[in-house]
């Protein structure tokens, strides 16, 4: 089967947009101009994950933004991408099949419920839409049956604040000040964003076929201009297929002109002091729990 990039972001409702753009109470603490670095990657060791044939981009992006928040607190923890997807659905309208989730649901879930670990609920690899549907149904059944266990663990990993990010400069200020990662939803067509050999995306085709969730992890300065670092949940995409690329700031600025495009920074991770450190687990690809 030829490689196909699945998406799965549900466009937010007006109510969700209003909620997301009402910044949380905790004020953003940006560095001064003299303290701001020319380049930052908040989690260089973070591996690109692959959502495979499932419309779980929102869960994948949110899980990795939570991991960034934990990394900034000194924890090296892998968050469950499947649980993030299902919780985003539950907090955004309910479990209605493998048809995507909203950023509003993901943000509410990570603040109100928290996120469990990948070791507790691993991500099932799907090689066809039919297999994705089966894996989705089995995962919902498992989560319902183990709700109390998942809730108790997830309570240790919650965000306490979110911030409406208004443009590329704020992307760089937010990540450069080590506030946290930023989740974004954009009109998506994988052919519209090809990274050059230097890892830059300079053009974007506005004829996106669907909506897709991605996240920002930092930025790099080129010739005095800061380019946000955009990360994806598709291996094989971006710079050398590593799942990330630097994107021209004018493209990010253009995205913000879409009424349904939101960029939400998430910070102030509430990680319990008793939570385990350095338990990042890689290589779990099955659907077993």
Protein backbone atom coordinates (compact mmCIF):
# COMPACT_ATOMS: atom_id res chain seq x y z
CA UNK A 1 0.00 0.00 0.00
CA UNK A 2 1.38 3.40 -0.90
CA UNK A 3 2.03 5.80 1.97
CA UNK A 4 -0.95 7.92 2.85
CA UNK A 5 -0.99 10.70 5.42
CA UNK A 6 -4.10 10.55 7.57
CA UNK A 7 -5.29 13.55 9.54
CA UNK A 8 -8.42 13.54 11.72
CA UNK A 9 -8.81 16.98 13.25
CA UNK A 10 -12.40 18.04 13.91
CA UNK A 11 -12.99 21.73 13.27
CA UNK A 12 -13.75 23.51 16.56
CA UNK A 13 -17.15 24.97 17.29
CA UNK A 14 -17.59 28.67 18.01
CA UNK A 15 -17.94 27.78 21.70
CA UNK A 16 -14.64 25.91 21.65
CA UNK A 17 -12.85 28.74 19.86
CA UNK A 18 -14.14 31.20 22.45
CA UNK A 19 -12.97 28.93 25.28
CA UNK A 20 -9.54 28.37 23.77
CA UNK A 21 -8.95 32.04 23.07
CA UNK A 22 -9.78 32.99 26.66
CA UNK A 23 -6.31 32.61 28.14
CA UNK A 24 -6.04 30.86 31.51
CA UNK A 25 -5.42 32.83 34.67
CA UNK A 26 -1.70 32.11 34.95
CA UNK A 27 0.16 34.94 33.15
CA UNK A 28 2.62 34.15 30.40
CA UNK A 29 6.20 34.86 31.43
CA UNK A 30 8.15 35.72 28.31
CA UNK A 31 11.91 36.26 28.36
CA UNK A 32 13.22 39.72 27.69
CA UNK A 33 14.74 40.37 24.27
CA UNK A 34 18.25 40.02 25.67
CA UNK A 35 17.47 36.65 27.26
CA UNK A 36 15.74 35.13 24.25
CA UNK A 37 17.89 32.52 22.48
CA UNK A 38 18.44 32.46 18.72
CA UNK A 39 17.41 28.81 18.62
CA UNK A 40 15.61 26.38 20.91
CA UNK A 41 14.27 22.84 20.77
CA UNK A 42 12.34 22.07 23.94
CA UNK A 43 12.70 18.30 23.57
CA UNK A 44 15.42 17.31 21.05
CA UNK A 45 15.31 13.67 22.17
CA UNK A 46 11.59 13.38 21.44
CA UNK A 47 11.05 10.86 18.67
CA UNK A 48 8.57 11.44 15.88
CA UNK A 49 5.56 9.22 16.44
CA UNK A 50 3.42 7.83 13.64
CA UNK A 51 -0.37 7.83 13.83
CA UNK A 52 -0.44 5.31 10.94
CA UNK A 53 -3.89 4.62 9.45
CA UNK A 54 -5.95 6.23 12.22
CA UNK A 55 -7.47 9.71 12.40
CA UNK A 56 -5.74 10.41 15.69
CA UNK A 57 -3.59 13.44 14.86
CA UNK A 58 -5.07 15.47 17.69
CA UNK A 59 -4.29 12.81 20.29
CA UNK A 60 -0.77 12.35 18.93
CA UNK A 61 -0.05 16.09 19.00
CA UNK A 62 -1.56 16.59 22.47
CA UNK A 63 0.35 13.65 23.97
CA UNK A 64 3.63 15.08 22.71
CA UNK A 65 2.81 18.58 23.98
CA UNK A 66 2.15 17.00 27.40
CA UNK A 67 5.53 15.25 27.16
CA UNK A 68 7.18 18.63 26.53
CA UNK A 69 5.46 20.05 29.62
CA UNK A 70 6.75 17.14 31.68
CA UNK A 71 10.25 17.46 30.21
CA UNK A 72 10.35 21.08 31.36
CA UNK A 73 9.54 19.83 34.87
CA UNK A 74 12.38 17.30 34.72
CA UNK A 75 10.36 14.21 33.83
CA UNK A 76 11.13 11.94 30.87
CA UNK A 77 7.75 10.28 30.44
CA UNK A 78 5.92 8.84 27.44
CA UNK A 79 2.23 9.77 27.36
CA UNK A 80 -0.44 7.51 25.88
CA UNK A 81 -1.33 8.78 22.41
CA UNK A 82 -4.39 6.55 22.15
CA UNK A 83 -5.73 7.71 25.51
CA UNK A 84 -5.09 11.33 24.49
CA UNK A 85 -7.12 10.75 21.31
CA UNK A 86 -10.04 9.10 23.13
CA UNK A 87 -10.05 11.64 25.96
CA UNK A 88 -10.01 14.51 23.45
CA UNK A 89 -13.07 12.92 21.85
CA UNK A 90 -14.84 12.42 25.17
CA UNK A 91 -14.27 16.03 26.25
CA UNK A 92 -15.15 17.29 22.78
CA UNK A 93 -18.44 15.52 22.19
CA UNK A 94 -18.10 11.80 22.79
CA UNK A 95 -16.85 8.55 21.28
CA UNK A 96 -18.29 8.47 17.79
CA UNK A 97 -15.80 6.29 15.94
CA UNK A 98 -12.40 6.87 14.40
CA UNK A 99 -13.32 10.21 12.89
CA UNK A 100 -10.96 12.58 14.67
CA UNK A 101 -11.04 14.87 17.70
CA UNK A 102 -10.94 18.59 18.40
CA UNK A 103 -8.22 20.72 19.96
CA UNK A 104 -10.81 22.09 22.37
CA UNK A 105 -11.50 18.58 23.61
CA UNK A 106 -7.78 17.83 23.92
CA UNK A 107 -7.06 20.98 25.93
CA UNK A 108 -9.99 20.39 28.28
CA UNK A 109 -9.00 16.75 28.79
CA UNK A 110 -5.38 17.58 29.63
CA UNK A 111 -6.47 20.23 32.14
CA UNK A 112 -9.52 18.56 33.73
CA UNK A 113 -8.63 14.86 33.54
CA UNK A 114 -4.91 14.63 32.76
CA UNK A 115 -3.14 12.09 30.58
CA UNK A 116 -2.04 8.53 31.43
CA UNK A 117 1.18 6.84 30.38
CA UNK A 118 1.87 4.92 27.18
CA UNK A 119 2.83 1.90 29.29
CA UNK A 120 -0.73 1.86 30.62
CA UNK A 121 -2.50 2.19 27.27
CA UNK A 122 -0.29 1.58 24.26
CA UNK A 123 -0.96 2.85 20.76
CA UNK A 124 -2.31 0.20 18.36
CA UNK A 125 -0.71 0.13 14.94
CA UNK A 126 -3.27 0.11 12.13
CA UNK A 127 -2.42 -0.89 8.57
CA UNK A 128 -5.85 -0.33 7.03
CA UNK A 129 -8.99 1.70 7.82
CA UNK A 130 -10.78 -1.51 8.78
CA UNK A 131 -8.04 -2.40 11.25
CA UNK A 132 -8.12 1.18 12.59
CA UNK A 133 -11.86 0.82 13.25
CA UNK A 134 -11.29 -2.45 15.14
CA UNK A 135 -8.44 -0.98 17.17
CA UNK A 136 -10.53 2.09 17.97
CA UNK A 137 -13.48 0.00 19.20
CA UNK A 138 -11.24 -2.26 21.30
CA UNK A 139 -9.50 0.77 22.82
CA UNK A 140 -12.80 2.41 23.80
CA UNK A 141 -13.94 -0.84 25.45
CA UNK A 142 -10.67 -1.13 27.36
CA UNK A 143 -10.77 2.49 28.51
CA UNK A 144 -14.34 2.14 29.78
CA UNK A 145 -13.45 -1.03 31.68
CA UNK A 146 -10.34 0.55 33.24
CA UNK A 147 -11.61 4.10 33.70
CA UNK A 148 -10.84 4.40 37.42
CA UNK A 149 -7.29 3.12 36.98
CA UNK A 150 -6.61 5.47 34.08
CA UNK A 151 -8.16 8.44 35.88
CA UNK A 152 -6.02 7.89 38.99
CA UNK A 153 -2.83 7.84 36.94
CA UNK A 154 -3.80 10.69 34.61
CA UNK A 155 -4.43 12.97 37.59
CA UNK A 156 -0.64 13.10 38.06
CA UNK A 157 -0.09 14.67 34.64
CA UNK A 158 -2.25 17.75 34.11
CA UNK A 159 -1.77 21.16 32.56
CA UNK A 160 -2.97 24.12 34.59
CA UNK A 161 -2.86 26.87 31.94
CA UNK A 162 -3.38 27.47 28.25
CA UNK A 163 -2.70 30.53 26.14
CA UNK A 164 -4.06 31.69 22.79
CA UNK A 165 -1.02 32.15 20.55
CA UNK A 166 -1.68 34.88 18.02
CA UNK A 167 1.13 34.55 15.48
CA UNK A 168 4.63 33.29 14.63
CA UNK A 169 6.41 35.75 16.92
CA UNK A 170 4.37 34.52 19.88
CA UNK A 171 5.17 30.92 18.90
CA UNK A 172 8.86 31.78 19.21
CA UNK A 173 8.43 33.87 22.38
CA UNK A 174 6.39 31.15 24.09
CA UNK A 175 8.72 28.26 23.26
CA UNK A 176 11.85 30.39 23.64
CA UNK A 177 10.75 31.34 27.16
CA UNK A 178 10.31 27.61 27.93
CA UNK A 179 6.62 28.02 28.69
CA UNK A 180 5.69 24.80 26.86
CA UNK A 181 4.66 23.33 23.54
CA UNK A 182 1.91 24.64 21.26
CA UNK A 183 -0.79 22.59 19.51
CA UNK A 184 -2.15 23.92 16.21
CA UNK A 185 -4.88 22.90 13.79
CA UNK A 186 -4.46 23.73 10.09
CA UNK A 187 -6.04 22.98 6.71
CA UNK A 188 -3.98 20.01 5.58
CA UNK A 189 -2.64 18.47 2.46
CA UNK A 190 0.68 16.63 2.90
CA UNK A 191 1.72 17.57 -0.62
CA UNK A 192 1.35 21.24 0.27
CA UNK A 193 4.29 21.29 2.68
CA UNK A 194 7.55 19.78 1.50
CA UNK A 195 10.69 20.48 3.49
CA UNK A 196 13.90 21.39 1.70
CA UNK A 197 17.22 19.71 2.46
CA UNK A 198 17.83 22.44 5.04
CA UNK A 199 14.61 21.51 6.82
CA UNK A 200 12.69 24.63 5.76
CA UNK A 201 9.13 24.87 4.50
CA UNK A 202 8.81 27.98 2.36
CA UNK A 203 5.58 27.34 0.47
CA UNK A 204 2.14 26.13 1.42
CA UNK A 205 -0.77 25.21 -0.82
CA UNK A 206 -4.02 26.60 0.58
CA UNK A 207 -6.14 23.85 -0.97
CA UNK A 208 -5.95 21.61 2.07
CA UNK A 209 -8.22 18.58 1.79
CA UNK A 210 -8.83 18.16 5.52
CA UNK A 211 -7.81 19.51 8.93
CA UNK A 212 -4.79 18.28 10.82
CA UNK A 213 -3.31 18.80 14.29
CA UNK A 214 0.43 19.38 14.68
CA UNK A 215 2.58 21.09 17.32
CA UNK A 216 5.41 23.58 17.77
CA UNK A 217 8.48 22.56 19.80
CA UNK A 218 10.80 25.54 19.33
CA UNK A 219 12.31 27.75 16.62
CA UNK A 220 15.52 28.66 14.82
CA UNK A 221 16.77 32.03 13.58
CA UNK A 222 17.77 32.31 9.91
CA UNK A 223 19.27 35.64 8.74
CA UNK A 224 17.69 37.45 11.68
CA UNK A 225 14.23 35.91 11.18
CA UNK A 226 12.80 33.34 13.58
CA UNK A 227 11.22 30.25 11.97
CA UNK A 228 8.93 28.12 14.20
CA UNK A 229 9.73 24.40 14.50
CA UNK A 230 6.66 22.43 13.42
CA UNK A 231 6.29 18.75 14.37
CA UNK A 232 4.04 16.12 12.84
CA UNK A 233 2.71 12.64 13.68
CA UNK A 234 3.80 11.09 10.38
CA UNK A 235 7.20 9.47 10.10
CA UNK A 236 8.72 10.19 6.72
CA UNK A 237 7.52 13.81 6.76
CA UNK A 238 9.71 16.88 7.21
CA UNK A 239 13.47 17.25 7.44
CA UNK A 240 15.12 13.94 6.46
CA UNK A 241 11.81 12.23 7.29
CA UNK A 242 12.26 12.99 11.01
CA UNK A 243 8.78 14.43 11.47
CA UNK A 244 9.71 18.08 11.97
CA UNK A 245 10.63 21.12 9.90
CA UNK A 246 11.15 24.87 10.25
CA UNK A 247 8.27 26.75 8.71
CA UNK A 248 8.34 30.24 7.24
CA UNK A 249 6.70 32.69 9.68
CA UNK A 250 4.53 34.20 6.95
CA UNK A 251 2.86 30.79 6.50
CA UNK A 252 2.02 30.62 10.21
CA UNK A 253 0.72 34.17 10.02
CA UNK A 254 -1.45 33.20 7.06
CA UNK A 255 -2.91 30.22 8.91
CA UNK A 256 -4.12 32.50 11.68
CA UNK A 257 -6.33 34.26 9.16
CA UNK A 258 -8.49 31.14 8.96
CA UNK A 259 -11.35 31.58 11.42
CA UNK A 260 -11.11 27.98 12.66
CA UNK A 261 -7.33 27.88 13.06
CA UNK A 262 -6.22 27.92 16.69
CA UNK A 263 -2.74 27.79 18.21
CA UNK A 264 -2.83 26.96 21.92
CA UNK A 265 0.22 27.04 24.18
CA UNK A 266 -0.02 24.74 27.20
CA UNK A 267 1.99 25.29 30.35
CA UNK A 268 2.25 24.90 34.13
CA UNK A 269 2.31 21.13 34.17
CA UNK A 270 1.13 19.79 37.51
CA UNK A 271 3.37 16.74 37.92
CA UNK A 272 3.24 15.14 41.34
CA UNK A 273 6.60 14.87 43.04
CA UNK A 274 5.99 11.16 43.55
CA UNK A 275 5.47 10.61 39.85
CA UNK A 276 8.20 8.38 38.34
CA UNK A 277 11.02 9.94 36.40
CA UNK A 278 12.85 8.53 33.39
CA UNK A 279 10.31 5.92 32.41
CA UNK A 280 10.13 6.65 28.69
CA UNK A 281 9.23 3.44 26.95
CA UNK A 282 9.74 3.01 23.23
CA UNK A 283 8.88 0.19 20.89
CA UNK A 284 5.39 -0.57 22.18
CA UNK A 285 3.45 -1.05 18.97
CA UNK A 286 0.79 -3.61 19.78
CA UNK A 287 -2.77 -3.08 20.89
CA UNK A 288 -2.33 -5.01 24.12
CA UNK A 289 -2.78 -3.24 27.40
